[in-house]
């Protein structure tokens, strides 16, 4: 049996990692954190781990949050994906 809410695979609240990739420009991590801050209270931001690409041209940030709802995740994903500095959100 499935639910119409779309929450059938996740039980909230839950820890949820997001991988956010962009060019390794100054301030990229701060910019991403600003977007995350709009959607996730600081106490629910569990980890913020940067990793540079081998050539140093790109950076990936693994952001782990305590998600409170599917709507929160969807809103955050849309905000990150719409940002021109962010190339990929997984």
PDB file of N, CA and C in Angstrom:
ATOM      1  N   UNK A   1       0.844  -1.180   0.000  1.00  0.00           N
ATOM      2  CA  UNK A   1       0.000   0.000   0.000  1.00  0.00           C
ATOM      3  C   UNK A   1       0.886   1.239   0.000  1.00  0.00           C
ATOM      4  N   UNK A   2       0.557   2.189  -0.821  1.00  0.00           N
ATOM      5  CA  UNK A   2       1.334   3.417  -0.870  1.00  0.00           C
ATOM      6  C   UNK A   2       0.483   4.587  -0.420  1.00  0.00           C
ATOM      7  N   UNK A   3       1.181   5.630  -0.070  1.00  0.00           N
ATOM      8  CA  UNK A   3       0.523   6.843   0.413  1.00  0.00           C
ATOM      9  C   UNK A   3       0.586   7.907  -0.665  1.00  0.00           C
ATOM     10  N   UNK A   4      -0.392   8.787  -0.719  1.00  0.00           N
ATOM     11  CA  UNK A   4      -0.383   9.882  -1.685  1.00  0.00           C
ATOM     12  C   UNK A   4       0.548  11.010  -1.260  1.00  0.00           C
ATOM     13  N   UNK A   5       1.051  10.974  -0.035  1.00  0.00           N
ATOM     14  CA  UNK A   5       1.869  12.077   0.465  1.00  0.00           C
ATOM     15  C   UNK A   5       3.290  12.060  -0.075  1.00  0.00           C
ATOM     16  N   UNK A   6       3.744  10.915  -0.630  1.00  0.00           N
ATOM     17  CA  UNK A   6       5.109  10.843  -1.126  1.00  0.00           C
ATOM     18  C   UNK A   6       6.120  10.568  -0.023  1.00  0.00           C
ATOM     19  N   UNK A   7       5.672  10.391   1.210  1.00  0.00           N
ATOM     20  CA  UNK A   7       6.566  10.164   2.345  1.00  0.00           C
ATOM     21  C   UNK A   7       6.784   8.688   2.640  1.00  0.00           C
ATOM     22  N   UNK A   8       6.279   7.791   1.803  1.00  0.00           N
ATOM     23  CA  UNK A   8       6.317   6.381   2.134  1.00  0.00           C
ATOM     24  C   UNK A   8       7.727   5.808   2.260  1.00  0.00           C
ATOM     25  N   UNK A   9       8.718   6.414   1.643  1.00  0.00           N
ATOM     26  CA  UNK A   9      10.080   5.898   1.725  1.00  0.00           C
ATOM     27  C   UNK A   9      10.887   6.498   2.861  1.00  0.00           C
ATOM     28  N   UNK A  10      10.455   7.618   3.381  1.00  0.00           N
ATOM     29  CA  UNK A  10      11.163   8.292   4.462  1.00  0.00           C
ATOM     30  C   UNK A  10      10.233   8.463   5.655  1.00  0.00           C
ATOM     31  N   UNK A  11      10.803   8.320   6.821  1.00  0.00           N
ATOM     32  CA  UNK A  11      10.063   8.586   8.046  1.00  0.00           C
ATOM     33  C   UNK A  11      10.666   9.831   8.680  1.00  0.00           C
ATOM     34  N   UNK A  12       9.844  10.838   8.881  1.00  0.00           N
ATOM     35  CA  UNK A  12      10.326  12.121   9.383  1.00  0.00           C
ATOM     36  C   UNK A  12      10.090  12.249  10.874  1.00  0.00           C
ATOM     37  N   UNK A  13      10.968  12.941  11.574  1.00  0.00           N
ATOM     38  CA  UNK A  13      12.216  13.541  11.081  1.00  0.00           C
ATOM     39  C   UNK A  13      13.256  12.466  10.784  1.00  0.00           C
ATOM     40  N   UNK A  14      14.186  12.800   9.881  1.00  0.00           N
ATOM     41  CA  UNK A  14      15.255  11.866   9.524  1.00  0.00           C
ATOM     42  C   UNK A  14      16.502  12.641   9.121  1.00  0.00           C
ATOM     43  N   UNK A  15      17.643  11.971   9.202  1.00  0.00           N
ATOM     44  CA  UNK A  15      18.891  12.551   8.711  1.00  0.00           C
ATOM     45  C   UNK A  15      18.911  12.346   7.211  1.00  0.00           C
ATOM     46  N   UNK A  16      19.225  13.410   6.479  1.00  0.00           N
ATOM     47  CA  UNK A  16      19.184  13.348   5.018  1.00  0.00           C
ATOM     48  C   UNK A  16      20.401  14.069   4.445  1.00  0.00           C
ATOM     49  N   UNK A  17      21.266  13.346   3.715  1.00  0.00           N
ATOM     50  CA  UNK A  17      22.440  13.984   3.105  1.00  0.00           C
ATOM     51  C   UNK A  17      22.114  14.510   1.713  1.00  0.00           C
ATOM     52  N   UNK A  18      22.642  15.670   1.389  1.00  0.00           N
ATOM     53  CA  UNK A  18      22.544  16.258   0.054  1.00  0.00           C
ATOM     54  C   UNK A  18      23.962  16.511  -0.435  1.00  0.00           C
ATOM     55  N   UNK A  19      24.234  16.195  -1.681  1.00  0.00           N
ATOM     56  CA  UNK A  19      25.537  16.520  -2.268  1.00  0.00           C
ATOM     57  C   UNK A  19      25.300  17.658  -3.250  1.00  0.00           C
ATOM     58  N   UNK A  20      26.028  18.747  -3.038  1.00  0.00           N
ATOM     59  CA  UNK A  20      25.859  19.968  -3.817  1.00  0.00           C
ATOM     60  C   UNK A  20      27.192  20.288  -4.476  1.00  0.00           C
ATOM     61  N   UNK A  21      27.192  20.414  -5.804  1.00  0.00           N
ATOM     62  CA  UNK A  21      28.443  20.628  -6.531  1.00  0.00           C
ATOM     63  C   UNK A  21      28.421  21.935  -7.325  1.00  0.00           C
ATOM     64  N   UNK A  22      29.592  22.564  -7.370  1.00  0.00           N
ATOM     65  CA  UNK A  22      29.744  23.792  -8.141  1.00  0.00           C
ATOM     66  C   UNK A  22      31.203  24.062  -8.420  1.00  0.00           C
ATOM     67  N   UNK A  23      31.459  25.147  -9.099  1.00  0.00           N
ATOM     68  CA  UNK A  23      32.848  25.546  -9.359  1.00  0.00           C
ATOM     69  C   UNK A  23      33.484  26.018  -8.056  1.00  0.00           C
ATOM     70  N   UNK A  24      34.756  25.736  -7.904  1.00  0.00           N
ATOM     71  CA  UNK A  24      35.484  26.089  -6.680  1.00  0.00           C
ATOM     72  C   UNK A  24      35.843  27.572  -6.707  1.00  0.00           C
ATOM     73  N   UNK A  25      34.839  28.404  -6.503  1.00  0.00           N
ATOM     74  CA  UNK A  25      35.037  29.847  -6.457  1.00  0.00           C
ATOM     75  C   UNK A  25      34.989  30.311  -5.007  1.00  0.00           C
ATOM     76  N   UNK A  26      35.684  31.402  -4.682  1.00  0.00           N
ATOM     77  CA  UNK A  26      35.640  31.902  -3.313  1.00  0.00           C
ATOM     78  C   UNK A  26      34.193  32.163  -2.867  1.00  0.00           C
ATOM     79  N   UNK A  27      33.887  31.715  -1.678  1.00  0.00           N
ATOM     80  CA  UNK A  27      32.578  31.966  -1.104  1.00  0.00           C
ATOM     81  C   UNK A  27      31.494  30.984  -1.488  1.00  0.00           C
ATOM     82  N   UNK A  28      31.819  29.958  -2.285  1.00  0.00           N
ATOM     83  CA  UNK A  28      30.787  29.004  -2.701  1.00  0.00           C
ATOM     84  C   UNK A  28      30.137  28.321  -1.507  1.00  0.00           C
ATOM     85  N   UNK A  29      30.952  27.856  -0.562  1.00  0.00           N
ATOM     86  CA  UNK A  29      30.401  27.163   0.600  1.00  0.00           C
ATOM     87  C   UNK A  29      29.513  28.090   1.439  1.00  0.00           C
ATOM     88  N   UNK A  30      29.908  29.342   1.587  1.00  0.00           N
ATOM     89  CA  UNK A  30      29.106  30.313   2.334  1.00  0.00           C
ATOM     90  C   UNK A  30      27.786  30.580   1.611  1.00  0.00           C
ATOM     91  N   UNK A  31      27.849  30.676   0.295  1.00  0.00           N
ATOM     92  CA  UNK A  31      26.649  30.892  -0.507  1.00  0.00           C
ATOM     93  C   UNK A  31      25.661  29.731  -0.328  1.00  0.00           C
ATOM     94  N   UNK A  32      26.168  28.506  -0.403  1.00  0.00           N
ATOM     95  CA  UNK A  32      25.312  27.333  -0.230  1.00  0.00           C
ATOM     96  C   UNK A  32      24.725  27.318   1.180  1.00  0.00           C
ATOM     97  N   UNK A  33      25.539  27.621   2.165  1.00  0.00           N
ATOM     98  CA  UNK A  33      25.054  27.633   3.547  1.00  0.00           C
ATOM     99  C   UNK A  33      23.918  28.649   3.722  1.00  0.00           C
ATOM    100  N   UNK A  34      24.006  29.782   3.049  1.00  0.00           N
ATOM    101  CA  UNK A  34      22.958  30.797   3.120  1.00  0.00           C
ATOM    102  C   UNK A  34      21.633  30.240   2.594  1.00  0.00           C
ATOM    103  N   UNK A  35      21.692  29.505   1.507  1.00  0.00           N
ATOM    104  CA  UNK A  35      20.478  28.891   0.953  1.00  0.00           C
ATOM    105  C   UNK A  35      19.927  27.842   1.918  1.00  0.00           C
ATOM    106  N   UNK A  36      20.806  27.005   2.443  1.00  0.00           N
ATOM    107  CA  UNK A  36      20.374  25.963   3.388  1.00  0.00           C
ATOM    108  C   UNK A  36      19.748  26.617   4.626  1.00  0.00           C
ATOM    109  N   UNK A  37      20.353  27.694   5.107  1.00  0.00           N
ATOM    110  CA  UNK A  37      19.838  28.392   6.297  1.00  0.00           C
ATOM    111  C   UNK A  37      18.396  28.861   6.130  1.00  0.00           C
ATOM    112  N   UNK A  38      17.999  29.198   4.905  1.00  0.00           N
ATOM    113  CA  UNK A  38      16.630  29.655   4.657  1.00  0.00           C
ATOM    114  C   UNK A  38      15.601  28.547   4.843  1.00  0.00           C
ATOM    115  N   UNK A  39      16.060  27.295   4.773  1.00  0.00           N
ATOM    116  CA  UNK A  39      15.136  26.159   4.788  1.00  0.00           C
ATOM    117  C   UNK A  39      15.308  25.231   5.978  1.00  0.00           C
ATOM    118  N   UNK A  40      16.463  25.322   6.627  1.00  0.00           N
ATOM    119  CA  UNK A  40      16.773  24.394   7.717  1.00  0.00           C
ATOM    120  C   UNK A  40      17.321  25.177   8.901  1.00  0.00           C
ATOM    121  N   UNK A  41      16.689  25.057  10.074  1.00  0.00           N
ATOM    122  CA  UNK A  41      17.220  25.746  11.252  1.00  0.00           C
ATOM    123  C   UNK A  41      18.643  25.261  11.570  1.00  0.00           C
ATOM    124  N   UNK A  42      19.500  26.140  12.088  1.00  0.00           N
ATOM    125  CA  UNK A  42      20.886  25.762  12.382  1.00  0.00           C
ATOM    126  C   UNK A  42      21.014  24.489  13.230  1.00  0.00           C
ATOM    127  N   UNK A  43      20.124  24.300  14.199  1.00  0.00           N
ATOM    128  CA  UNK A  43      20.229  23.120  15.060  1.00  0.00           C
ATOM    129  C   UNK A  43      19.934  21.823  14.291  1.00  0.00           C
ATOM    130  N   UNK A  44      19.327  21.930  13.087  1.00  0.00           N
ATOM    131  CA  UNK A  44      19.042  20.746  12.275  1.00  0.00           C
ATOM    132  C   UNK A  44      20.053  20.550  11.146  1.00  0.00           C
ATOM    133  N   UNK A  45      21.109  21.360  11.134  1.00  0.00           N
ATOM    134  CA  UNK A  45      22.195  21.182  10.181  1.00  0.00           C
ATOM    135  C   UNK A  45      23.277  20.359  10.880  1.00  0.00           C
ATOM    136  N   UNK A  46      23.364  19.087  10.509  1.00  0.00           N
ATOM    137  CA  UNK A  46      24.202  18.146  11.247  1.00  0.00           C
ATOM    138  C   UNK A  46      25.647  18.097  10.753  1.00  0.00           C
ATOM    139  N   UNK A  47      25.858  18.294   9.454  1.00  0.00           N
ATOM    140  CA  UNK A  47      27.221  18.243   8.907  1.00  0.00           C
ATOM    141  C   UNK A  47      27.277  19.058   7.620  1.00  0.00           C
ATOM    142  N   UNK A  48      28.437  19.632   7.359  1.00  0.00           N
ATOM    143  CA  UNK A  48      28.662  20.457   6.179  1.00  0.00           C
ATOM    144  C   UNK A  48      30.098  20.182   5.745  1.00  0.00           C
ATOM    145  N   UNK A  49      30.291  19.187   4.878  1.00  0.00           N
ATOM    146  CA  UNK A  49      31.628  18.690   4.560  1.00  0.00           C
ATOM    147  C   UNK A  49      32.022  19.026   3.119  1.00  0.00           C
ATOM    148  N   UNK A  50      33.051  19.871   2.932  1.00  0.00           N
ATOM    149  CA  UNK A  50      33.511  20.208   1.581  1.00  0.00           C
ATOM    150  C   UNK A  50      34.545  19.201   1.077  1.00  0.00           C
ATOM    151  N   UNK A  51      34.577  19.051  -0.248  1.00  0.00           N
ATOM    152  CA  UNK A  51      35.605  18.217  -0.869  1.00  0.00           C
ATOM    153  C   UNK A  51      35.906  18.777  -2.252  1.00  0.00           C
ATOM    154  N   UNK A  52      37.168  19.076  -2.492  1.00  0.00           N
ATOM    155  CA  UNK A  52      37.592  19.623  -3.783  1.00  0.00           C
ATOM    156  C   UNK A  52      37.814  18.498  -4.789  1.00  0.00           C
ATOM    157  N   UNK A  53      37.611  18.805  -6.061  1.00  0.00           N
ATOM    158  CA  UNK A  53      37.899  17.838  -7.115  1.00  0.00           C
ATOM    159  C   UNK A  53      39.411  17.653  -7.222  1.00  0.00           C
ATOM    160  N   UNK A  54      39.811  16.637  -7.925  1.00  0.00           N
ATOM    161  CA  UNK A  54      41.239  16.331  -8.047  1.00  0.00           C
ATOM    162  C   UNK A  54      42.016  17.495  -8.652  1.00  0.00           C
ATOM    163  N   UNK A  55      41.468  18.163  -9.634  1.00  0.00           N
ATOM    164  CA  UNK A  55      42.138  19.299 -10.272  1.00  0.00           C
ATOM    165  C   UNK A  55      41.886  20.610  -9.535  1.00  0.00           C
ATOM    166  N   UNK A  56      40.971  20.608  -8.556  1.00  0.00           N
ATOM    167  CA  UNK A  56      40.693  21.800  -7.780  1.00  0.00           C
ATOM    168  C   UNK A  56      39.763  22.805  -8.445  1.00  0.00           C
ATOM    169  N   UNK A  57      39.141  22.412  -9.560  1.00  0.00           N
ATOM    170  CA  UNK A  57      38.247  23.332 -10.267  1.00  0.00           C
ATOM    171  C   UNK A  57      36.817  23.310  -9.733  1.00  0.00           C
ATOM    172  N   UNK A  58      36.463  22.214  -9.085  1.00  0.00           N
ATOM    173  CA  UNK A  58      35.099  22.045  -8.576  1.00  0.00           C
ATOM    174  C   UNK A  58      35.142  21.699  -7.105  1.00  0.00           C
ATOM    175  N   UNK A  59      34.024  21.924  -6.453  1.00  0.00           N
ATOM    176  CA  UNK A  59      33.898  21.561  -5.046  1.00  0.00           C
ATOM    177  C   UNK A  59      32.551  20.878  -4.853  1.00  0.00           C
ATOM    178  N   UNK A  60      32.549  19.870  -4.003  1.00  0.00           N
ATOM    179  CA  UNK A  60      31.274  19.272  -3.619  1.00  0.00           C
ATOM    180  C   UNK A  60      31.121  19.475  -2.117  1.00  0.00           C
ATOM    181  N   UNK A  61      29.912  19.764  -1.730  1.00  0.00           N
ATOM    182  CA  UNK A  61      29.586  19.924  -0.318  1.00  0.00           C
ATOM    183  C   UNK A  61      28.559  18.864   0.026  1.00  0.00           C
ATOM    184  N   UNK A  62      28.875  18.057   1.018  1.00  0.00           N
ATOM    185  CA  UNK A  62      27.885  17.120   1.516  1.00  0.00           C
ATOM    186  C   UNK A  62      27.277  17.754   2.749  1.00  0.00           C
ATOM    187  N   UNK A  63      25.995  18.072   2.641  1.00  0.00           N
ATOM    188  CA  UNK A  63      25.260  18.720   3.719  1.00  0.00           C
ATOM    189  C   UNK A  63      24.271  17.700   4.267  1.00  0.00           C
ATOM    190  N   UNK A  64      24.413  17.369   5.536  1.00  0.00           N
ATOM    191  CA  UNK A  64      23.480  16.453   6.174  1.00  0.00           C
ATOM    192  C   UNK A  64      22.598  17.251   7.112  1.00  0.00           C
ATOM    193  N   UNK A  65      21.295  17.096   6.906  1.00  0.00           N
ATOM    194  CA  UNK A  65      20.329  17.840   7.716  1.00  0.00           C
ATOM    195  C   UNK A  65      19.397  16.874   8.430  1.00  0.00           C
ATOM    196  N   UNK A  66      18.728  17.368   9.429  1.00  0.00           N
ATOM    197  CA  UNK A  66      17.626  16.634  10.048  1.00  0.00           C
ATOM    198  C   UNK A  66      16.362  17.189   9.397  1.00  0.00           C
ATOM    199  N   UNK A  67      15.845  16.439   8.442  1.00  0.00           N
ATOM    200  CA  UNK A  67      14.684  16.887   7.671  1.00  0.00           C
ATOM    201  C   UNK A  67      13.410  16.635   8.465  1.00  0.00           C
ATOM    202  N   UNK A  68      12.530  17.622   8.452  1.00  0.00           N
ATOM    203  CA  UNK A  68      11.279  17.500   9.204  1.00  0.00           C
ATOM    204  C   UNK A  68      10.104  17.074   8.339  1.00  0.00           C
ATOM    205  N   UNK A  69      10.222  17.241   7.005  1.00  0.00           N
ATOM    206  CA  UNK A  69       9.119  16.850   6.129  1.00  0.00           C
ATOM    207  C   UNK A  69       9.598  16.738   4.685  1.00  0.00           C
ATOM    208  N   UNK A  70       8.792  16.072   3.891  1.00  0.00           N
ATOM    209  CA  UNK A  70       9.077  15.964   2.458  1.00  0.00           C
ATOM    210  C   UNK A  70       9.012  17.354   1.815  1.00  0.00           C
ATOM    211  N   UNK A  71       8.069  18.175   2.250  1.00  0.00           N
ATOM    212  CA  UNK A  71       7.930  19.527   1.704  1.00  0.00           C
ATOM    213  C   UNK A  71       9.200  20.344   1.951  1.00  0.00           C
ATOM    214  N   UNK A  72       9.789  20.213   3.131  1.00  0.00           N
ATOM    215  CA  UNK A  72      11.031  20.921   3.437  1.00  0.00           C
ATOM    216  C   UNK A  72      12.141  20.481   2.481  1.00  0.00           C
ATOM    217  N   UNK A  73      12.275  19.170   2.279  1.00  0.00           N
ATOM    218  CA  UNK A  73      13.297  18.660   1.357  1.00  0.00           C
ATOM    219  C   UNK A  73      13.057  19.153  -0.063  1.00  0.00           C
ATOM    220  N   UNK A  74      11.809  19.117  -0.505  1.00  0.00           N
ATOM    221  CA  UNK A  74      11.480  19.570  -1.854  1.00  0.00           C
ATOM    222  C   UNK A  74      11.797  21.051  -2.032  1.00  0.00           C
ATOM    223  N   UNK A  75      11.434  21.873  -1.060  1.00  0.00           N
ATOM    224  CA  UNK A  75      11.711  23.316  -1.131  1.00  0.00           C
ATOM    225  C   UNK A  75      13.207  23.593  -1.168  1.00  0.00           C
ATOM    226  N   UNK A  76      13.964  22.885  -0.335  1.00  0.00           N
ATOM    227  CA  UNK A  76      15.416  23.069  -0.302  1.00  0.00           C
ATOM    228  C   UNK A  76      16.037  22.632  -1.623  1.00  0.00           C
ATOM    229  N   UNK A  77      15.624  21.489  -2.129  1.00  0.00           N
ATOM    230  CA  UNK A  77      16.153  20.985  -3.396  1.00  0.00           C
ATOM    231  C   UNK A  77      15.856  21.969  -4.531  1.00  0.00           C
ATOM    232  N   UNK A  78      14.640  22.495  -4.585  1.00  0.00           N
ATOM    233  CA  UNK A  78      14.279  23.461  -5.628  1.00  0.00           C
ATOM    234  C   UNK A  78      15.133  24.730  -5.528  1.00  0.00           C
ATOM    235  N   UNK A  79      15.334  25.226  -4.317  1.00  0.00           N
ATOM    236  CA  UNK A  79      16.130  26.440  -4.128  1.00  0.00           C
ATOM    237  C   UNK A  79      17.580  26.220  -4.553  1.00  0.00           C
ATOM    238  N   UNK A  80      18.145  25.084  -4.180  1.00  0.00           N
ATOM    239  CA  UNK A  80      19.523  24.787  -4.554  1.00  0.00           C
ATOM    240  C   UNK A  80      19.655  24.592  -6.064  1.00  0.00           C
ATOM    241  N   UNK A  81      18.740  23.853  -6.654  1.00  0.00           N
ATOM    242  CA  UNK A  81      18.792  23.560  -8.090  1.00  0.00           C
ATOM    243  C   UNK A  81      18.601  24.805  -8.946  1.00  0.00           C
ATOM    244  N   UNK A  82      17.850  25.775  -8.447  1.00  0.00           N
ATOM    245  CA  UNK A  82      17.576  26.991  -9.206  1.00  0.00           C
ATOM    246  C   UNK A  82      18.730  27.988  -9.172  1.00  0.00           C
ATOM    247  N   UNK A  83      19.676  27.800  -8.266  1.00  0.00           N
ATOM    248  CA  UNK A  83      20.758  28.756  -8.110  1.00  0.00           C
ATOM    249  C   UNK A  83      21.788  28.581  -9.225  1.00  0.00           C
ATOM    250  N   UNK A  84      22.185  29.679  -9.865  1.00  0.00           N
ATOM    251  CA  UNK A  84      23.102  29.623 -11.008  1.00  0.00           C
ATOM    252  C   UNK A  84      24.505  29.189 -10.627  1.00  0.00           C
ATOM    253  N   UNK A  85      24.917  29.346  -9.378  1.00  0.00           N
ATOM    254  CA  UNK A  85      26.271  28.935  -8.967  1.00  0.00           C
ATOM    255  C   UNK A  85      26.367  27.425  -8.729  1.00  0.00           C
ATOM    256  N   UNK A  86      25.234  26.804  -8.530  1.00  0.00           N
ATOM    257  CA  UNK A  86      25.198  25.368  -8.217  1.00  0.00           C
ATOM    258  C   UNK A  86      24.965  24.587  -9.497  1.00  0.00           C
ATOM    259  N   UNK A  87      25.861  23.628  -9.761  1.00  0.00           N
ATOM    260  CA  UNK A  87      25.782  22.847 -10.997  1.00  0.00           C
ATOM    261  C   UNK A  87      24.944  21.588 -10.841  1.00  0.00           C
ATOM    262  N   UNK A  88      25.060  20.921  -9.695  1.00  0.00           N
ATOM    263  CA  UNK A  88      24.367  19.649  -9.477  1.00  0.00           C
ATOM    264  C   UNK A  88      23.944  19.536  -8.024  1.00  0.00           C
ATOM    265  N   UNK A  89      22.757  18.974  -7.808  1.00  0.00           N
ATOM    266  CA  UNK A  89      22.295  18.645  -6.449  1.00  0.00           C
ATOM    267  C   UNK A  89      21.829  17.201  -6.488  1.00  0.00           C
ATOM    268  N   UNK A  90      22.395  16.394  -5.631  1.00  0.00           N
ATOM    269  CA  UNK A  90      21.998  14.976  -5.533  1.00  0.00           C
ATOM    270  C   UNK A  90      21.500  14.681  -4.141  1.00  0.00           C
TER     271      UNK A  90
END
